[in-house]
Structures are given as structure tokens and as C-alpha cells.
C-alpha atoms as a PDB file:
ATOM      1  CA  UNK A   1       0.058  -0.005   0.233  1.00  0.00           C
ATOM      2  CA  UNK A   2       1.890   3.215  -1.099  1.00  0.00           C
ATOM      3  CA  UNK A   3       4.791   4.142   0.753  1.00  0.00           C
ATOM      4  CA  UNK A   4       3.730   2.582   4.197  1.00  0.00           C
ATOM      5  CA  UNK A   5       6.487   0.241   5.963  1.00  0.00           C
ATOM      6  CA  UNK A   6       6.495  -3.419   5.241  1.00  0.00           C
ATOM      7  CA  UNK A   7       6.049  -5.513   8.042  1.00  0.00           C
ATOM      8  CA  UNK A   8       9.350  -6.155   9.866  1.00  0.00           C
ATOM      9  CA  UNK A   9      10.557  -2.658   9.234  1.00  0.00           C
ATOM     10  CA  UNK A  10       9.991  -1.980  13.187  1.00  0.00           C
ATOM     11  CA  UNK A  11      13.631  -0.808  13.481  1.00  0.00           C
ATOM     12  CA  UNK A  12      13.490   1.806  10.753  1.00  0.00           C
ATOM     13  CA  UNK A  13      13.485   4.968  12.315  1.00  0.00           C
ATOM     14  CA  UNK A  14      11.025   6.501  10.159  1.00  0.00           C
ATOM     15  CA  UNK A  15       8.439   3.790  10.872  1.00  0.00           C
ATOM     16  CA  UNK A  16       7.656   5.575  14.120  1.00  0.00           C
ATOM     17  CA  UNK A  17       7.371   8.995  12.798  1.00  0.00           C
ATOM     18  CA  UNK A  18       5.467   7.988   9.232  1.00  0.00           C
ATOM     19  CA  UNK A  19       1.710   8.652  10.956  1.00  0.00           C
ATOM     20  CA  UNK A  20       2.479   5.955  13.514  1.00  0.00           C
ATOM     21  CA  UNK A  21       1.586   8.051  16.825  1.00  0.00           C
ATOM     22  CA  UNK A  22      -1.327   7.591  18.780  1.00  0.00           C
ATOM     23  CA  UNK A  23      -2.867   9.859  21.425  1.00  0.00           C
ATOM     24  CA  UNK A  24      -2.881   9.096  24.946  1.00  0.00           C
ATOM     25  CA  UNK A  25      -4.119  10.279  28.177  1.00  0.00           C
ATOM     26  CA  UNK A  26      -2.478   9.636  31.539  1.00  0.00           C
ATOM     27  CA  UNK A  27      -3.640  10.932  35.035  1.00  0.00           C
ATOM     28  CA  UNK A  28      -1.169  11.584  37.509  1.00  0.00           C
ATOM     29  CA  UNK A  29      -1.344  12.268  41.400  1.00  0.00           C
ATOM     30  CA  UNK A  30       1.557  14.721  42.320  1.00  0.00           C
ATOM     31  CA  UNK A  31       2.512  16.323  45.587  1.00  0.00           C
ATOM     32  CA  UNK A  32       2.115  19.941  45.494  1.00  0.00           C
ATOM     33  CA  UNK A  33       5.918  20.576  45.660  1.00  0.00           C
ATOM     34  CA  UNK A  34       8.381  22.642  43.607  1.00  0.00           C
ATOM     35  CA  UNK A  35       9.880  20.429  40.874  1.00  0.00           C
ATOM     36  CA  UNK A  36       7.122  17.804  40.780  1.00  0.00           C
ATOM     37  CA  UNK A  37       5.471  18.443  37.919  1.00  0.00           C
ATOM     38  CA  UNK A  38       8.712  18.603  35.848  1.00  0.00           C
ATOM     39  CA  UNK A  39       9.795  15.282  37.324  1.00  0.00           C
ATOM     40  CA  UNK A  40       6.669  13.848  36.050  1.00  0.00           C
ATOM     41  CA  UNK A  41       7.028  15.125  32.731  1.00  0.00           C
ATOM     42  CA  UNK A  42      10.778  13.999  32.158  1.00  0.00           C
ATOM     43  CA  UNK A  43       9.929  10.272  31.761  1.00  0.00           C
ATOM     44  CA  UNK A  44       7.537  11.029  29.176  1.00  0.00           C
ATOM     45  CA  UNK A  45      10.117  12.651  26.758  1.00  0.00           C
ATOM     46  CA  UNK A  46      12.782  10.119  27.729  1.00  0.00           C
ATOM     47  CA  UNK A  47      10.704   7.459  26.462  1.00  0.00           C
ATOM     48  CA  UNK A  48       9.267   9.071  23.115  1.00  0.00           C
ATOM     49  CA  UNK A  49       6.385  10.899  24.196  1.00  0.00           C
ATOM     50  CA  UNK A  50       5.423  14.299  22.964  1.00  0.00           C
ATOM     51  CA  UNK A  51       3.068  16.449  25.371  1.00  0.00           C
ATOM     52  CA  UNK A  52       0.065  17.805  23.638  1.00  0.00           C
ATOM     53  CA  UNK A  53      -1.472  19.332  26.647  1.00  0.00           C
ATOM     54  CA  UNK A  54      -1.270  19.218  30.411  1.00  0.00           C
ATOM     55  CA  UNK A  55      -4.329  20.162  32.985  1.00  0.00           C
ATOM     56  CA  UNK A  56      -2.890  20.794  36.158  1.00  0.00           C
ATOM     57  CA  UNK A  57      -5.685  20.999  38.847  1.00  0.00           C
ATOM     58  CA  UNK A  58      -4.064  22.794  41.748  1.00  0.00           C
ATOM     59  CA  UNK A  59      -7.521  23.569  43.215  1.00  0.00           C
ATOM     60  CA  UNK A  60      -8.503  20.003  43.275  1.00  0.00           C
ATOM     61  CA  UNK A  61      -7.031  17.367  45.751  1.00  0.00           C
ATOM     62  CA  UNK A  62      -7.118  13.900  45.813  1.00  0.00           C
ATOM     63  CA  UNK A  63      -8.121  11.607  48.581  1.00  0.00           C
ATOM     64  CA  UNK A  64      -4.409  11.306  49.406  1.00  0.00           C
ATOM     65  CA  UNK A  65      -4.009  15.186  49.655  1.00  0.00           C
ATOM     66  CA  UNK A  66      -2.270  15.271  46.239  1.00  0.00           C
ATOM     67  CA  UNK A  67      -2.695  17.314  42.799  1.00  0.00           C
ATOM     68  CA  UNK A  68      -4.474  15.572  40.141  1.00  0.00           C
ATOM     69  CA  UNK A  69      -2.815  16.514  36.623  1.00  0.00           C
ATOM     70  CA  UNK A  70      -4.068  14.994  33.221  1.00  0.00           C
ATOM     71  CA  UNK A  71      -1.398  14.747  30.673  1.00  0.00           C
ATOM     72  CA  UNK A  72      -2.225  14.032  26.970  1.00  0.00           C
ATOM     73  CA  UNK A  73       0.808  13.078  25.001  1.00  0.00           C
ATOM     74  CA  UNK A  74       1.172  11.080  21.761  1.00  0.00           C
ATOM     75  CA  UNK A  75       3.888   8.154  20.868  1.00  0.00           C
ATOM     76  CA  UNK A  76       4.053   5.147  18.912  1.00  0.00           C
ATOM     77  CA  UNK A  77       1.788   2.514  20.371  1.00  0.00           C
ATOM     78  CA  UNK A  78       4.859   0.366  21.161  1.00  0.00           C
ATOM     79  CA  UNK A  79       6.365   2.939  23.376  1.00  0.00           C
ATOM     80  CA  UNK A  80       3.417   3.775  25.374  1.00  0.00           C
ATOM     81  CA  UNK A  81       4.142   0.924  27.885  1.00  0.00           C
ATOM     82  CA  UNK A  82       7.748   2.425  28.053  1.00  0.00           C
ATOM     83  CA  UNK A  83       6.338   5.709  28.963  1.00  0.00           C
ATOM     84  CA  UNK A  84       4.273   4.231  31.755  1.00  0.00           C
ATOM     85  CA  UNK A  85       6.826   2.121  33.196  1.00  0.00           C
ATOM     86  CA  UNK A  86       9.144   5.452  33.150  1.00  0.00           C
ATOM     87  CA  UNK A  87       6.750   7.057  35.161  1.00  0.00           C
ATOM     88  CA  UNK A  88       6.432   4.342  37.651  1.00  0.00           C
ATOM     89  CA  UNK A  89      10.100   4.155  37.839  1.00  0.00           C
ATOM     90  CA  UNK A  90      10.410   7.922  38.468  1.00  0.00           C
ATOM     91  CA  UNK A  91       7.983   7.221  41.736  1.00  0.00           C
ATOM     92  CA  UNK A  92       4.908   9.142  39.901  1.00  0.00           C
ATOM     93  CA  UNK A  93       1.894   7.717  41.013  1.00  0.00           C
ATOM     94  CA  UNK A  94      -0.289   7.068  38.097  1.00  0.00           C
ATOM     95  CA  UNK A  95      -4.317   7.166  38.618  1.00  0.00           C
ATOM     96  CA  UNK A  96      -4.638   6.091  34.973  1.00  0.00           C
ATOM     97  CA  UNK A  97      -2.707   5.284  31.883  1.00  0.00           C
ATOM     98  CA  UNK A  98      -4.856   5.369  28.449  1.00  0.00           C
ATOM     99  CA  UNK A  99      -8.180   6.023  27.674  1.00  0.00           C
ATOM    100  CA  UNK A 100      -9.456   2.237  28.267  1.00  0.00           C
ATOM    101  CA  UNK A 101      -7.849   1.550  31.395  1.00  0.00           C
ATOM    102  CA  UNK A 102     -10.812   1.751  33.467  1.00  0.00           C
ATOM    103  CA  UNK A 103     -14.111   0.852  32.238  1.00  0.00           C
ATOM    104  CA  UNK A 104     -16.413   0.435  35.508  1.00  0.00           C
ATOM    105  CA  UNK A 105     -17.200   2.107  38.683  1.00  0.00           C
ATOM    106  CA  UNK A 106     -18.081   0.769  42.139  1.00  0.00           C
ATOM    107  CA  UNK A 107     -18.733   2.338  45.518  1.00  0.00           C
ATOM    108  CA  UNK A 108     -17.814   0.517  48.977  1.00  0.00           C
ATOM    109  CA  UNK A 109     -18.490   1.606  52.268  1.00  0.00           C
ATOM    110  CA  UNK A 110     -15.898   0.864  54.964  1.00  0.00           C
ATOM    111  CA  UNK A 111     -16.905   1.288  58.736  1.00  0.00           C
ATOM    112  CA  UNK A 112     -14.574   0.918  61.572  1.00  0.00           C
ATOM    113  CA  UNK A 113     -11.712   2.703  63.259  1.00  0.00           C
ATOM    114  CA  UNK A 114     -10.720   3.982  59.684  1.00  0.00           C
ATOM    115  CA  UNK A 115      -8.502   7.198  60.982  1.00  0.00           C
ATOM    116  CA  UNK A 116      -6.591   4.882  64.007  1.00  0.00           C
ATOM    117  CA  UNK A 117      -6.160   2.183  61.093  1.00  0.00           C
ATOM    118  CA  UNK A 118      -4.426   4.476  58.810  1.00  0.00           C
ATOM    119  CA  UNK A 119      -7.142   5.673  56.301  1.00  0.00           C
ATOM    120  CA  UNK A 120      -4.285   6.683  53.911  1.00  0.00           C
ATOM    121  CA  UNK A 121      -2.798   3.131  54.117  1.00  0.00           C
ATOM    122  CA  UNK A 122      -5.871   1.599  53.592  1.00  0.00           C
ATOM    123  CA  UNK A 123      -6.507   3.854  50.296  1.00  0.00           C
ATOM    124  CA  UNK A 124      -3.127   2.848  49.135  1.00  0.00           C
ATOM    125  CA  UNK A 125      -3.831  -0.810  49.755  1.00  0.00           C
ATOM    126  CA  UNK A 126      -7.054  -0.460  47.801  1.00  0.00           C
ATOM    127  CA  UNK A 127      -5.422   0.682  45.017  1.00  0.00           C
ATOM    128  CA  UNK A 128      -2.369  -1.422  44.992  1.00  0.00           C
ATOM    129  CA  UNK A 129      -3.917  -4.679  46.090  1.00  0.00           C
ATOM    130  CA  UNK A 130      -7.325  -4.634  44.037  1.00  0.00           C
ATOM    131  CA  UNK A 131      -5.824  -2.568  40.977  1.00  0.00           C
ATOM    132  CA  UNK A 132      -8.285   0.247  41.955  1.00  0.00           C
ATOM    133  CA  UNK A 133      -8.432   3.921  41.579  1.00  0.00           C
ATOM    134  CA  UNK A 134      -9.995   5.881  44.374  1.00  0.00           C
ATOM    135  CA  UNK A 135     -11.958   8.535  42.528  1.00  0.00           C
ATOM    136  CA  UNK A 136     -13.968   9.985  45.495  1.00  0.00           C
ATOM    137  CA  UNK A 137     -13.967   9.576  49.208  1.00  0.00           C
ATOM    138  CA  UNK A 138     -16.516  10.878  51.921  1.00  0.00           C
ATOM    139  CA  UNK A 139     -15.721  10.548  55.317  1.00  0.00           C
ATOM    140  CA  UNK A 140     -18.230  10.464  58.398  1.00  0.00           C
ATOM    141  CA  UNK A 141     -16.956  10.518  61.794  1.00  0.00           C
ATOM    142  CA  UNK A 142     -19.218  11.733  64.324  1.00  0.00           C
ATOM    143  CA  UNK A 143     -17.498  10.323  67.359  1.00  0.00           C
ATOM    144  CA  UNK A 144     -14.163  12.190  66.298  1.00  0.00           C
ATOM    145  CA  UNK A 145     -11.127  10.705  64.686  1.00  0.00           C
ATOM    146  CA  UNK A 146     -10.757   8.202  67.539  1.00  0.00           C
ATOM    147  CA  UNK A 147     -14.190   6.532  67.226  1.00  0.00           C
ATOM    148  CA  UNK A 148     -15.964   4.607  64.712  1.00  0.00           C
ATOM    149  CA  UNK A 149     -16.268   6.361  61.577  1.00  0.00           C
ATOM    150  CA  UNK A 150     -17.678   5.484  57.844  1.00  0.00           C
ATOM    151  CA  UNK A 151     -16.109   6.297  54.266  1.00  0.00           C
ATOM    152  CA  UNK A 152     -17.954   5.697  50.852  1.00  0.00           C
ATOM    153  CA  UNK A 153     -15.268   5.179  48.239  1.00  0.00           C
ATOM    154  CA  UNK A 154     -16.052   5.328  44.628  1.00  0.00           C
ATOM    155  CA  UNK A 155     -13.410   3.271  42.594  1.00  0.00           C
ATOM    156  CA  UNK A 156     -12.353   2.980  39.086  1.00  0.00           C
ATOM    157  CA  UNK A 157     -12.072  -0.465  37.917  1.00  0.00           C
ATOM    158  CA  UNK A 158     -11.426  -2.289  34.737  1.00  0.00           C
ATOM    159  CA  UNK A 159     -14.429  -3.867  33.126  1.00  0.00           C
ATOM    160  CA  UNK A 160     -15.510  -7.064  34.484  1.00  0.00           C
ATOM    161  CA  UNK A 161     -13.052  -7.303  37.501  1.00  0.00           C
ATOM    162  CA  UNK A 162     -15.524  -6.373  40.355  1.00  0.00           C
ATOM    163  CA  UNK A 163     -15.299  -9.748  41.979  1.00  0.00           C
ATOM    164  CA  UNK A 164     -11.775  -9.744  41.999  1.00  0.00           C
ATOM    165  CA  UNK A 165     -11.880  -6.213  43.389  1.00  0.00           C
ATOM    166  CA  UNK A 166     -14.144  -6.654  45.991  1.00  0.00           C
ATOM    167  CA  UNK A 167     -12.439  -9.912  47.216  1.00  0.00           C
ATOM    168  CA  UNK A 168      -8.974  -7.509  47.826  1.00  0.00           C
ATOM    169  CA  UNK A 169     -11.184  -5.110  49.587  1.00  0.00           C
ATOM    170  CA  UNK A 170     -12.537  -7.665  51.997  1.00  0.00           C
ATOM    171  CA  UNK A 171      -9.097  -9.087  52.775  1.00  0.00           C
ATOM    172  CA  UNK A 172      -7.901  -5.473  53.394  1.00  0.00           C
ATOM    173  CA  UNK A 173     -11.016  -5.007  55.488  1.00  0.00           C
ATOM    174  CA  UNK A 174     -10.189  -8.067  57.354  1.00  0.00           C
ATOM    175  CA  UNK A 175      -6.262  -7.342  57.894  1.00  0.00           C
ATOM    176  CA  UNK A 176      -7.777  -3.705  59.621  1.00  0.00           C
ATOM    177  CA  UNK A 177     -10.915  -5.206  61.301  1.00  0.00           C
ATOM    178  CA  UNK A 178     -13.193  -3.110  59.159  1.00  0.00           C
ATOM    179  CA  UNK A 179     -16.694  -3.701  57.892  1.00  0.00           C
ATOM    180  CA  UNK A 180     -17.010  -3.779  53.970  1.00  0.00           C
ATOM    181  CA  UNK A 181     -20.491  -2.897  52.744  1.00  0.00           C
ATOM    182  CA  UNK A 182     -20.434  -4.211  49.188  1.00  0.00           C
ATOM    183  CA  UNK A 183     -22.554  -2.898  46.154  1.00  0.00           C
ATOM    184  CA  UNK A 184     -24.992  -4.987  44.468  1.00  0.00           C
ATOM    185  CA  UNK A 185     -23.602  -6.512  41.476  1.00  0.00           C
ATOM    186  CA  UNK A 186     -25.448  -7.646  38.579  1.00  0.00           C
ATOM    187  CA  UNK A 187     -28.590  -5.152  38.094  1.00  0.00           C
ATOM    188  CA  UNK A 188     -29.114  -1.844  37.389  1.00  0.00           C
ATOM    189  CA  UNK A 189     -29.738   0.484  40.369  1.00  0.00           C
END
């Protein structure tokens, strides 16, 4: 077909720039400190990504007290995983990588001594062990931070993984002596 590189030309430097670019969105979570945005952007360029736009939401704070940043970039499809890995290697917290990464949202309620059992650690474990992203968190502590409290967490997850995600959250709840109130799955609300 015309001038398109033939199969097997992956090592041809023109193959990457001859229409082989794809746009991606990466959502990051950064600490509000000087130099953090620059530190997060370097691995993108270092791994063949080209920045298209940056949306730095300094007025918004994530549940862990960080700043959400949305980066639109383009790169050859075979380099995107390198970009993501470079970000992780640099210690950048990735909320979402690529448009299709998270296709479902679920909400769970956690009840117990949430503050005393380190809510930040609980949220980090949910993100790491359940491979979910905490998109929203509401905390109610009518007895103060030393008493029983509840938190509603809205989580972004991969489509079709709700059973695995809930099993991981139940395990975390058991470890921390928390009650997990799960959503009803399989029907419309």
C-alpha cells in the first residue's frame, strides 16, 4: 500500500514518525512541591512521548491530599508501555494510563476505626492490591477521629473485575478489622 513500511521494518526510524503516532491520556497524582510536575514530565520525553497538553488541577485535591494532573501525549503505540513504566520508575503515582484502562466504577463503604487504622494506608492498599483507583471519598466521623467512622469510596476499576476487586477489599477489611459494605452487582440501580 503506497509508501507504508512493510512488516518487519520495526527498526526503521521513519516507521515511528510516519503516521504511527497515537494520542494517550495519562492521569497522575502529584505532591504539591516545587519541581514535581517537571519530574513527572521528564520520563514521558525520555521514552519517546510528545506532550500535547497538561491540565494541572491545583485547586482540586485527591483523597490522599495530592494534586491531580492530566497529561495528553502522543507516541508510537509500542512505546506507550515504556512511558508508563518510566513514570512508575520515577516514583510518579499513576491514576490512569490510556483511555481504555478503567471502564467501570463501583462504590464501597468501609466502617470501623478508619483513622486509627491509617486511612491513607487503607486507600493505598486498595489501589495497589485491588488494582483500583479511588476517585472520590466521603468520610463521616461523628465520634471524632478516635471513634468508629465510615467512608464511602467510589472506585474506578477494569471492566469485568468487580468480583476480584471486592475480594481484595474484603481481605484488606479483614486485616484492619473493618466492615466492608459492598454494592449489589449484576443489576441496575
